[in-house]
Structure formats: structure tokens, C-alpha cells
Amino acid sequence: MKRDVCVSVLGIQNIGDESETVLTETSGTYCLENGFHKIDYFELDENRTTIAYHLVFSVSEMQMSKCGAVAGQFHFIPGAISVADYWAPFGRVVFQVETEFYKLDVKEHCLDAQIKYRLYTDKRLFSENIITIRVCENSEDGFGSIKQGGIINEKNIYF
């Protein structure tokens, strides 16, 4: 059974000396199916184009698919390297995804996940990334709460 949820996603991307932080707060749907937590939501990019996200969480790994002006499928498995095809307006990029850290914390009305990973192209480091995701049934626990107590930095990852 699908339930309406609030989704907060904090993404930090470091490319060389440049760092970009993006916080997305939106609504979506959640369901638990065969032990997998599945979340669907939409966000608007900087050009006001809709991107559809589909997240699948298990205890040991996470998958993220996005469709729209940018598209791709990412598979985050701690200690492993996976391959991701990424489509952007300028064309296709193949990334090697090295997942350094993944943690899933499931509570009664809230799901918290953190991923720290690196992207490589042609065996060269492209970016280092951290994503913190909070999915809650109650909007008081979701929107903005990722900024309090759930803030992370590159050296310390915690909730």
C-alpha cells in the first residue's frame, strides 16, 4: 500500500575545489514491498523541467533512478564499484560509482539514509558526493529537519 510522505534530500557535490550543496524538499509516495523501501517523487531542475526519482532502499544497498532532462540509474553498494549511465542535455556520460558509506535507519514513521560516494569517468575522479535523505509520514518530522541534527560534513557522517 502506497502512503504519502515528505521527502527531504540534501546533496553535497565536490568537484575539485568547488562544492555545491542542494536541498530538495517535496512530497512523494512510499511503499514497503518484499522488504524493500520504495520512494517516488518529482523535483524541478534549474530550468523548471520535471525530473522523476525512484529510490529503492534495503539494509545493504540503495538504488536511484531518475528520468527527465537528466536521466540515469545509480546503484550504491558499500565497498563496491558499479557502473552508471547518465544522460544529460549535453549527452551520455558513463560513471564508475564507488560507494564508501551507506547507512539506512528505519523508524516507525521515518526513514533516514546517508550515502557517501565518488564518481569516476575514464578512471579519473570526477566528484565526491554525500547524499542525506529523510522520508517521513508527518511533515513536521520531514521538511527542514534534515538541516537540524542531520547535517553532515565530509569527515563526520551522523544522524
C-alpha atoms as a PDB file:
ATOM      1  CA  MET A   1       0.000   0.000   0.000  1.00  0.00           C
ATOM      2  CA  LYS A   2       1.372   3.398  -1.003  1.00  0.00           C
ATOM      3  CA  ARG A   3       1.455   6.223   1.524  1.00  0.00           C
ATOM      4  CA  ASP A   4       2.018   9.928   1.027  1.00  0.00           C
ATOM      5  CA  VAL A   5       5.284  11.142   2.534  1.00  0.00           C
ATOM      6  CA  CYS A   6       7.512  14.192   2.824  1.00  0.00           C
ATOM      7  CA  VAL A   7      10.918  13.782   1.210  1.00  0.00           C
ATOM      8  CA  SER A   8      13.989  15.876   2.110  1.00  0.00           C
ATOM      9  CA  VAL A   9      17.195  15.313   0.155  1.00  0.00           C
ATOM     10  CA  LEU A  10      20.430  17.123   0.959  1.00  0.00           C
ATOM     11  CA  GLY A  11      23.141  16.625  -1.644  1.00  0.00           C
ATOM     12  CA  ILE A  12      26.732  17.826  -1.434  1.00  0.00           C
ATOM     13  CA  GLN A  13      28.922  17.509  -4.520  1.00  0.00           C
ATOM     14  CA  ASN A  14      32.624  18.353  -4.510  1.00  0.00           C
ATOM     15  CA  ILE A  15      34.305  18.742  -7.896  1.00  0.00           C
ATOM     16  CA  GLY A  16      37.913  19.751  -7.379  1.00  0.00           C
ATOM     17  CA  ASP A  17      37.939  22.923  -5.300  1.00  0.00           C
ATOM     18  CA  GLU A  18      34.272  23.666  -5.961  1.00  0.00           C
ATOM     19  CA  SER A  19      31.464  22.487  -3.713  1.00  0.00           C
ATOM     20  CA  GLU A  20      27.739  22.604  -4.409  1.00  0.00           C
ATOM     21  CA  THR A  21      25.006  21.944  -1.852  1.00  0.00           C
ATOM     22  CA  VAL A  22      21.391  21.347  -2.882  1.00  0.00           C
ATOM     23  CA  LEU A  23      18.418  20.808  -0.583  1.00  0.00           C
ATOM     24  CA  THR A  24      15.214  19.433  -2.076  1.00  0.00           C
ATOM     25  CA  GLU A  25      12.011  19.268  -0.067  1.00  0.00           C
ATOM     26  CA  THR A  26       8.958  17.777  -1.711  1.00  0.00           C
ATOM     27  CA  SER A  27       6.152  15.269  -1.322  1.00  0.00           C
ATOM     28  CA  GLY A  28       6.164  11.758  -2.683  1.00  0.00           C
ATOM     29  CA  THR A  29       4.896   8.237  -2.149  1.00  0.00           C
ATOM     30  CA  TYR A  30       6.298   5.369  -0.103  1.00  0.00           C
ATOM     31  CA  CYS A  31       5.668   1.641  -0.061  1.00  0.00           C
ATOM     32  CA  LEU A  32       7.319  -1.377   1.516  1.00  0.00           C
ATOM     33  CA  GLU A  33       7.450  -4.260  -0.948  1.00  0.00           C
ATOM     34  CA  ASN A  34       9.231  -7.577  -0.336  1.00  0.00           C
ATOM     35  CA  GLY A  35      11.498  -5.974   2.272  1.00  0.00           C
ATOM     36  CA  PHE A  36      12.441  -3.034   0.026  1.00  0.00           C
ATOM     37  CA  HIS A  37      11.530   0.564   0.868  1.00  0.00           C
ATOM     38  CA  LYS A  38      10.433   2.322  -2.346  1.00  0.00           C
ATOM     39  CA  ILE A  39      10.019   6.079  -2.705  1.00  0.00           C
ATOM     40  CA  ASP A  40       8.838   8.039  -5.753  1.00  0.00           C
ATOM     41  CA  TYR A  41       8.946  11.824  -6.018  1.00  0.00           C
ATOM     42  CA  PHE A  42       9.390  14.658  -8.508  1.00  0.00           C
ATOM     43  CA  GLU A  43      11.624  17.714  -8.448  1.00  0.00           C
ATOM     44  CA  LEU A  44      12.172  20.686 -10.747  1.00  0.00           C
ATOM     45  CA  ASP A  45      15.661  21.397 -12.047  1.00  0.00           C
ATOM     46  CA  GLU A  46      17.116  24.878 -12.547  1.00  0.00           C
ATOM     47  CA  ASN A  47      15.297  25.123 -15.913  1.00  0.00           C
ATOM     48  CA  ARG A  48      11.943  24.250 -14.293  1.00  0.00           C
ATOM     49  CA  THR A  49      11.974  20.831 -16.002  1.00  0.00           C
ATOM     50  CA  THR A  50      10.473  17.926 -14.053  1.00  0.00           C
ATOM     51  CA  ILE A  51      12.717  15.053 -13.015  1.00  0.00           C
ATOM     52  CA  ALA A  52      11.117  11.871 -11.673  1.00  0.00           C
ATOM     53  CA  TYR A  53      13.016   9.966  -8.980  1.00  0.00           C
ATOM     54  CA  HIS A  54      12.582   6.367  -7.889  1.00  0.00           C
ATOM     55  CA  LEU A  55      14.561   5.249  -4.821  1.00  0.00           C
ATOM     56  CA  VAL A  56      14.850   1.688  -3.541  1.00  0.00           C
ATOM     57  CA  PHE A  57      16.420   1.040  -0.134  1.00  0.00           C
ATOM     58  CA  SER A  58      17.427  -2.201   1.521  1.00  0.00           C
ATOM     59  CA  VAL A  59      19.600  -2.775   4.571  1.00  0.00           C
ATOM     60  CA  SER A  60      22.710  -3.294   2.437  1.00  0.00           C
ATOM     61  CA  GLU A  61      22.300  -1.076  -0.645  1.00  0.00           C
ATOM     62  CA  MET A  62      20.375   1.677  -2.410  1.00  0.00           C
ATOM     63  CA  GLN A  63      19.290   2.252  -5.998  1.00  0.00           C
ATOM     64  CA  MET A  64      18.356   5.595  -7.504  1.00  0.00           C
ATOM     65  CA  SER A  65      16.755   6.138 -10.908  1.00  0.00           C
ATOM     66  CA  LYS A  66      15.944   9.497 -12.413  1.00  0.00           C
ATOM     67  CA  CYS A  67      14.083  10.342 -15.596  1.00  0.00           C
ATOM     68  CA  GLY A  68      13.617  13.696 -17.314  1.00  0.00           C
ATOM     69  CA  ALA A  69      16.041  16.267 -18.727  1.00  0.00           C
ATOM     70  CA  VAL A  70      18.721  14.254 -16.924  1.00  0.00           C
ATOM     71  CA  ALA A  71      18.378  10.520 -16.524  1.00  0.00           C
ATOM     72  CA  GLY A  72      20.356   7.701 -15.038  1.00  0.00           C
ATOM     73  CA  GLN A  73      20.436   4.711 -12.751  1.00  0.00           C
ATOM     74  CA  PHE A  74      22.803   4.529  -9.811  1.00  0.00           C
ATOM     75  CA  HIS A  75      23.481   1.519  -7.611  1.00  0.00           C
ATOM     76  CA  PHE A  76      25.139   2.218  -4.254  1.00  0.00           C
ATOM     77  CA  ILE A  77      26.780  -0.830  -2.648  1.00  0.00           C
ATOM     78  CA  PRO A  78      29.292  -0.100   0.140  1.00  0.00           C
ATOM     79  CA  GLY A  79      32.809  -1.204  -0.745  1.00  0.00           C
ATOM     80  CA  ALA A  80      31.872  -1.912  -4.359  1.00  0.00           C
ATOM     81  CA  ILE A  81      32.149  -0.140  -7.700  1.00  0.00           C
ATOM     82  CA  SER A  82      29.128  -0.091 -10.009  1.00  0.00           C
ATOM     83  CA  VAL A  83      28.592   1.481 -13.428  1.00  0.00           C
ATOM     84  CA  ALA A  84      26.002   4.189 -14.087  1.00  0.00           C
ATOM     85  CA  ASP A  85      24.832   5.507 -17.443  1.00  0.00           C
ATOM     86  CA  TYR A  86      23.952   9.164 -17.028  1.00  0.00           C
ATOM     87  CA  TRP A  87      22.143  11.179 -19.708  1.00  0.00           C
ATOM     88  CA  ALA A  88      22.325  14.964 -19.609  1.00  0.00           C
ATOM     89  CA  PRO A  89      21.368  17.609 -22.190  1.00  0.00           C
ATOM     90  CA  PHE A  90      24.973  17.529 -23.461  1.00  0.00           C
ATOM     91  CA  GLY A  91      24.960  13.750 -23.951  1.00  0.00           C
ATOM     92  CA  ARG A  92      25.781  10.445 -22.280  1.00  0.00           C
ATOM     93  CA  VAL A  93      28.362  10.009 -19.521  1.00  0.00           C
ATOM     94  CA  VAL A  94      29.388   6.654 -18.070  1.00  0.00           C
ATOM     95  CA  PHE A  95      30.340   6.866 -14.399  1.00  0.00           C
ATOM     96  CA  GLN A  96      32.012   4.349 -12.167  1.00  0.00           C
ATOM     97  CA  VAL A  97      30.322   4.704  -8.770  1.00  0.00           C
ATOM     98  CA  GLU A  98      32.470   3.857  -5.732  1.00  0.00           C
ATOM     99  CA  THR A  99      30.321   3.742  -2.603  1.00  0.00           C
ATOM    100  CA  GLU A 100      32.346   4.461   0.516  1.00  0.00           C
ATOM    101  CA  PHE A 101      29.489   4.562   3.024  1.00  0.00           C
ATOM    102  CA  TYR A 102      25.791   3.706   3.175  1.00  0.00           C
ATOM    103  CA  LYS A 103      23.540   3.669   6.209  1.00  0.00           C
ATOM    104  CA  LEU A 104      19.783   3.141   6.442  1.00  0.00           C
ATOM    105  CA  ASP A 105      17.873   3.891   9.648  1.00  0.00           C
ATOM    106  CA  VAL A 106      14.201   2.901   9.604  1.00  0.00           C
ATOM    107  CA  LYS A 107      11.919   4.215  12.342  1.00  0.00           C
ATOM    108  CA  GLU A 108       8.174   3.876  12.764  1.00  0.00           C
ATOM    109  CA  HIS A 109       7.202   6.930  10.679  1.00  0.00           C
ATOM    110  CA  CYS A 110      10.541   7.988   9.223  1.00  0.00           C
ATOM    111  CA  LEU A 111      13.355   6.620   7.083  1.00  0.00           C
ATOM    112  CA  ASP A 112      16.843   8.167   7.090  1.00  0.00           C
ATOM    113  CA  ALA A 113      19.608   7.245   4.673  1.00  0.00           C
ATOM    114  CA  GLN A 114      23.107   8.515   4.019  1.00  0.00           C
ATOM    115  CA  ILE A 115      25.408   7.696   1.145  1.00  0.00           C
ATOM    116  CA  LYS A 116      28.979   8.855   0.582  1.00  0.00           C
ATOM    117  CA  TYR A 117      30.373   8.004  -2.824  1.00  0.00           C
ATOM    118  CA  ARG A 118      32.776   9.004  -5.581  1.00  0.00           C
ATOM    119  CA  LEU A 119      32.131   9.267  -9.293  1.00  0.00           C
ATOM    120  CA  TYR A 120      34.842   8.445 -11.802  1.00  0.00           C
ATOM    121  CA  THR A 121      34.962   8.896 -15.574  1.00  0.00           C
ATOM    122  CA  ASP A 122      37.677   7.127 -17.543  1.00  0.00           C
ATOM    123  CA  LYS A 123      39.267   6.086 -14.209  1.00  0.00           C
ATOM    124  CA  ARG A 124      39.656   9.748 -13.167  1.00  0.00           C
ATOM    125  CA  LEU A 125      37.926  11.197 -10.128  1.00  0.00           C
ATOM    126  CA  PHE A 126      35.022  13.385 -11.248  1.00  0.00           C
ATOM    127  CA  SER A 127      33.368  14.205  -7.913  1.00  0.00           C
ATOM    128  CA  GLU A 128      32.971  13.243  -4.272  1.00  0.00           C
ATOM    129  CA  ASN A 129      29.359  13.238  -3.079  1.00  0.00           C
ATOM    130  CA  ILE A 130      27.268  12.920   0.037  1.00  0.00           C
ATOM    131  CA  ILE A 131      23.509  12.457  -0.013  1.00  0.00           C
ATOM    132  CA  THR A 132      21.307  12.557   3.078  1.00  0.00           C
ATOM    133  CA  ILE A 133      17.689  11.505   2.617  1.00  0.00           C
ATOM    134  CA  ARG A 134      14.828  11.752   5.097  1.00  0.00           C
ATOM    135  CA  VAL A 135      11.389  10.353   4.287  1.00  0.00           C
ATOM    136  CA  CYS A 136       8.615  10.943   6.845  1.00  0.00           C
ATOM    137  CA  GLU A 137       4.882  10.473   7.016  1.00  0.00           C
ATOM    138  CA  ASN A 138       4.477  13.547   9.208  1.00  0.00           C
ATOM    139  CA  SER A 139       5.502  16.843   7.588  1.00  0.00           C
ATOM    140  CA  GLU A 140       6.656  18.172  10.982  1.00  0.00           C
ATOM    141  CA  ASP A 141       9.350  15.459  11.007  1.00  0.00           C
ATOM    142  CA  GLY A 142      10.329  15.830   7.362  1.00  0.00           C
ATOM    143  CA  PHE A 143      10.696  19.267   5.825  1.00  0.00           C
ATOM    144  CA  GLY A 144      13.631  21.161   7.187  1.00  0.00           C
ATOM    145  CA  SER A 145      14.507  18.595   9.836  1.00  0.00           C
ATOM    146  CA  ILE A 146      17.359  17.388   7.686  1.00  0.00           C
ATOM    147  CA  LYS A 147      19.010  20.731   8.496  1.00  0.00           C
ATOM    148  CA  GLN A 148      18.828  20.068  12.261  1.00  0.00           C
ATOM    149  CA  GLY A 149      20.702  17.159  13.751  1.00  0.00           C
ATOM    150  CA  GLY A 150      21.064  15.511  10.368  1.00  0.00           C
ATOM    151  CA  ILE A 151      23.677  17.834   8.963  1.00  0.00           C
ATOM    152  CA  ILE A 152      26.784  16.095   7.787  1.00  0.00           C
ATOM    153  CA  ASN A 153      30.190  17.121   6.668  1.00  0.00           C
ATOM    154  CA  GLU A 154      32.834  15.282   4.703  1.00  0.00           C
ATOM    155  CA  LYS A 155      34.645  13.940   7.765  1.00  0.00           C
ATOM    156  CA  ASN A 156      31.714  13.083  10.044  1.00  0.00           C
ATOM    157  CA  ILE A 157      28.614  11.308   8.888  1.00  0.00           C
ATOM    158  CA  TYR A 158      25.921  11.003  11.527  1.00  0.00           C
ATOM    159  CA  PHE A 159      22.279  11.408  12.374  1.00  0.00           C
END
